[in-house]
Amino acid sequence: MAVINVFEQYFEAEGTFNDVERHGALVMLVSDSEAGNIRYEAAVTFFPHNDEEDYGVSYDAYDSKVLYEAAGRRSKKREEQFLQELPAVIDTLMPDTDLRVLWDRPLREACRG
């Protein structure tokens, strides 16, 4: 099994979960390939980020959605399509909360794997 974060980036966020204010979000596009199959998943986790040094990611405010699962392998073209759709998909996750990613306020540069 080869799990790779195709994309990950930290953003400012807002909202409360489990009575804890969340000011940061880690957004990911994850690929998982095994035995000739590929799976892509969009994921987000919201964390406190109480100061500039606080990147202690807590996974209690986490949600994900499988975007694609089939026989095959990684595809750069497919990954680019998923990256274009990622903000809209992430915005549909955690629907019963007030959590939201502030897309125009990245905390760090994006990392691509």
C-alpha atoms as a PDB file:
ATOM      1  CA  MET A   1       0.000   0.000   0.000  1.00  0.00           C
ATOM      2  CA  ALA A   2       1.357   3.418  -0.982  1.00  0.00           C
ATOM      3  CA  VAL A   3      -0.461   6.296   0.686  1.00  0.00           C
ATOM      4  CA  ILE A   4       0.692   9.691  -0.571  1.00  0.00           C
ATOM      5  CA  ASN A   5      -0.533  13.175   0.219  1.00  0.00           C
ATOM      6  CA  VAL A   6      -0.805  14.473  -3.333  1.00  0.00           C
ATOM      7  CA  PHE A   7      -1.564  17.903  -1.870  1.00  0.00           C
ATOM      8  CA  GLU A   8      -1.634  19.396   1.590  1.00  0.00           C
ATOM      9  CA  GLN A   9      -1.901  22.950   2.788  1.00  0.00           C
ATOM     10  CA  TYR A  10      -2.665  24.735   6.036  1.00  0.00           C
ATOM     11  CA  PHE A  11      -5.251  27.506   6.041  1.00  0.00           C
ATOM     12  CA  GLU A  12      -6.796  29.785   8.601  1.00  0.00           C
ATOM     13  CA  ALA A  13     -10.198  28.520   9.669  1.00  0.00           C
ATOM     14  CA  GLU A  14     -13.018  29.425  11.971  1.00  0.00           C
ATOM     15  CA  GLY A  15     -15.601  27.624  14.012  1.00  0.00           C
ATOM     16  CA  THR A  16     -16.015  25.538  17.133  1.00  0.00           C
ATOM     17  CA  PHE A  17     -15.921  21.770  17.577  1.00  0.00           C
ATOM     18  CA  ASN A  18     -16.140  19.886  20.888  1.00  0.00           C
ATOM     19  CA  ASP A  19     -16.269  23.255  22.647  1.00  0.00           C
ATOM     20  CA  VAL A  20     -12.830  24.186  21.243  1.00  0.00           C
ATOM     21  CA  GLU A  21     -12.334  27.148  18.911  1.00  0.00           C
ATOM     22  CA  ARG A  22     -10.600  26.122  15.665  1.00  0.00           C
ATOM     23  CA  HIS A  23      -8.417  28.673  13.882  1.00  0.00           C
ATOM     24  CA  GLY A  24      -6.534  26.364  11.497  1.00  0.00           C
ATOM     25  CA  ALA A  25      -7.326  23.681   8.951  1.00  0.00           C
ATOM     26  CA  LEU A  26      -5.164  21.128   7.183  1.00  0.00           C
ATOM     27  CA  VAL A  27      -6.590  20.337   3.740  1.00  0.00           C
ATOM     28  CA  MET A  28      -5.387  17.209   1.927  1.00  0.00           C
ATOM     29  CA  LEU A  29      -5.817  15.251  -1.279  1.00  0.00           C
ATOM     30  CA  VAL A  30      -4.655  11.715  -0.526  1.00  0.00           C
ATOM     31  CA  SER A  31      -3.966   8.893  -2.975  1.00  0.00           C
ATOM     32  CA  ASP A  32      -3.852   5.276  -1.892  1.00  0.00           C
ATOM     33  CA  SER A  33      -2.653   2.660  -4.345  1.00  0.00           C
ATOM     34  CA  GLU A  34      -2.527  -1.053  -3.717  1.00  0.00           C
ATOM     35  CA  ALA A  35      -2.535  -4.159  -5.917  1.00  0.00           C
ATOM     36  CA  GLY A  36      -3.442  -2.309  -9.102  1.00  0.00           C
ATOM     37  CA  ASN A  37      -6.138  -0.140  -7.521  1.00  0.00           C
ATOM     38  CA  ILE A  38      -6.134   3.593  -6.886  1.00  0.00           C
ATOM     39  CA  ARG A  39      -8.228   5.636  -4.511  1.00  0.00           C
ATOM     40  CA  TYR A  40      -8.335   9.421  -4.078  1.00  0.00           C
ATOM     41  CA  GLU A  41      -9.741  11.044  -0.969  1.00  0.00           C
ATOM     42  CA  ALA A  42     -10.317  14.686  -0.011  1.00  0.00           C
ATOM     43  CA  ALA A  43      -9.802  15.327   3.700  1.00  0.00           C
ATOM     44  CA  VAL A  44      -9.774  18.181   6.191  1.00  0.00           C
ATOM     45  CA  THR A  45      -8.960  18.454   9.863  1.00  0.00           C
ATOM     46  CA  PHE A  46      -9.605  21.563  11.911  1.00  0.00           C
ATOM     47  CA  PHE A  47      -7.261  22.353  14.799  1.00  0.00           C
ATOM     48  CA  PRO A  48      -6.907  25.088  17.450  1.00  0.00           C
ATOM     49  CA  HIS A  49      -3.920  27.047  15.994  1.00  0.00           C
ATOM     50  CA  ASN A  50      -3.935  29.408  18.966  1.00  0.00           C
ATOM     51  CA  ASP A  51      -0.707  31.151  17.922  1.00  0.00           C
ATOM     52  CA  GLU A  52       1.733  31.318  15.003  1.00  0.00           C
ATOM     53  CA  GLU A  53       3.710  28.331  16.330  1.00  0.00           C
ATOM     54  CA  ASP A  54       0.713  26.092  17.094  1.00  0.00           C
ATOM     55  CA  TYR A  55       0.415  23.443  14.395  1.00  0.00           C
ATOM     56  CA  GLY A  56      -0.654  20.701  16.797  1.00  0.00           C
ATOM     57  CA  VAL A  57      -3.191  19.023  14.556  1.00  0.00           C
ATOM     58  CA  SER A  58      -6.023  17.330  16.420  1.00  0.00           C
ATOM     59  CA  TYR A  59      -7.995  14.746  14.524  1.00  0.00           C
ATOM     60  CA  ASP A  60     -11.280  15.038  16.420  1.00  0.00           C
ATOM     61  CA  ALA A  61     -12.590  17.557  13.864  1.00  0.00           C
ATOM     62  CA  TYR A  62     -11.780  15.442  10.794  1.00  0.00           C
ATOM     63  CA  ASP A  63     -13.827  14.455   7.783  1.00  0.00           C
ATOM     64  CA  SER A  64     -13.095  12.987   4.370  1.00  0.00           C
ATOM     65  CA  LYS A  65     -14.755  11.928   1.150  1.00  0.00           C
ATOM     66  CA  VAL A  66     -13.650   9.352  -1.398  1.00  0.00           C
ATOM     67  CA  LEU A  67     -13.504  11.058  -4.799  1.00  0.00           C
ATOM     68  CA  TYR A  68     -12.455   8.128  -6.940  1.00  0.00           C
ATOM     69  CA  GLU A  69     -11.790   4.421  -6.505  1.00  0.00           C
ATOM     70  CA  ALA A  70     -11.073   2.001  -9.334  1.00  0.00           C
ATOM     71  CA  ALA A  71      -8.539  -0.291 -10.900  1.00  0.00           C
ATOM     72  CA  GLY A  72      -5.587   1.669 -12.226  1.00  0.00           C
ATOM     73  CA  ARG A  73      -2.789   3.901 -11.066  1.00  0.00           C
ATOM     74  CA  ARG A  74      -2.092   7.554 -10.274  1.00  0.00           C
ATOM     75  CA  SER A  75      -2.949  10.041 -12.975  1.00  0.00           C
ATOM     76  CA  LYS A  76      -1.564  13.586 -13.023  1.00  0.00           C
ATOM     77  CA  LYS A  77      -4.494  14.690 -15.175  1.00  0.00           C
ATOM     78  CA  ARG A  78      -7.025  13.239 -12.722  1.00  0.00           C
ATOM     79  CA  GLU A  79      -5.142  14.773  -9.771  1.00  0.00           C
ATOM     80  CA  GLU A  80      -5.256  18.229 -11.360  1.00  0.00           C
ATOM     81  CA  GLN A  81      -9.016  17.860 -11.818  1.00  0.00           C
ATOM     82  CA  PHE A  82      -9.441  16.859  -8.171  1.00  0.00           C
ATOM     83  CA  LEU A  83      -7.309  19.810  -7.048  1.00  0.00           C
ATOM     84  CA  GLN A  84      -9.561  22.194  -8.967  1.00  0.00           C
ATOM     85  CA  GLU A  85     -12.607  20.697  -7.235  1.00  0.00           C
ATOM     86  CA  LEU A  86     -10.999  20.382  -3.781  1.00  0.00           C
ATOM     87  CA  PRO A  87     -12.285  23.629  -2.169  1.00  0.00           C
ATOM     88  CA  ALA A  88     -15.874  22.891  -3.179  1.00  0.00           C
ATOM     89  CA  VAL A  89     -15.631  19.316  -1.882  1.00  0.00           C
ATOM     90  CA  ILE A  90     -14.002  20.363   1.397  1.00  0.00           C
ATOM     91  CA  ASP A  91     -16.722  22.977   1.928  1.00  0.00           C
ATOM     92  CA  THR A  92     -19.337  20.163   1.947  1.00  0.00           C
ATOM     93  CA  LEU A  93     -17.573  18.208   4.702  1.00  0.00           C
ATOM     94  CA  MET A  94     -18.468  18.601   8.405  1.00  0.00           C
ATOM     95  CA  PRO A  95     -22.009  19.751   7.441  1.00  0.00           C
ATOM     96  CA  ASP A  96     -23.448  19.773  10.968  1.00  0.00           C
ATOM     97  CA  THR A  97     -20.830  22.214  12.277  1.00  0.00           C
ATOM     98  CA  ASP A  98     -19.959  25.868  11.836  1.00  0.00           C
ATOM     99  CA  LEU A  99     -16.393  25.017  10.773  1.00  0.00           C
ATOM    100  CA  ARG A 100     -15.092  26.550   7.588  1.00  0.00           C
ATOM    101  CA  VAL A 101     -11.785  26.958   5.796  1.00  0.00           C
ATOM    102  CA  LEU A 102     -10.740  30.509   4.956  1.00  0.00           C
ATOM    103  CA  TRP A 103      -9.393  29.748   1.485  1.00  0.00           C
ATOM    104  CA  ASP A 104      -7.941  33.202   0.913  1.00  0.00           C
ATOM    105  CA  ARG A 105      -5.772  32.949   4.065  1.00  0.00           C
ATOM    106  CA  PRO A 106      -3.160  30.212   3.686  1.00  0.00           C
ATOM    107  CA  LEU A 107      -0.897  29.682   6.702  1.00  0.00           C
ATOM    108  CA  ARG A 108       1.837  27.923   4.696  1.00  0.00           C
ATOM    109  CA  GLU A 109       2.697  27.197   1.111  1.00  0.00           C
ATOM    110  CA  ALA A 110       1.120  24.098  -0.409  1.00  0.00           C
ATOM    111  CA  CYS A 111       3.088  20.847  -0.464  1.00  0.00           C
ATOM    112  CA  ARG A 112       2.652  18.433  -3.356  1.00  0.00           C
ATOM    113  CA  GLY A 113       3.727  14.834  -3.306  1.00  0.00           C
END
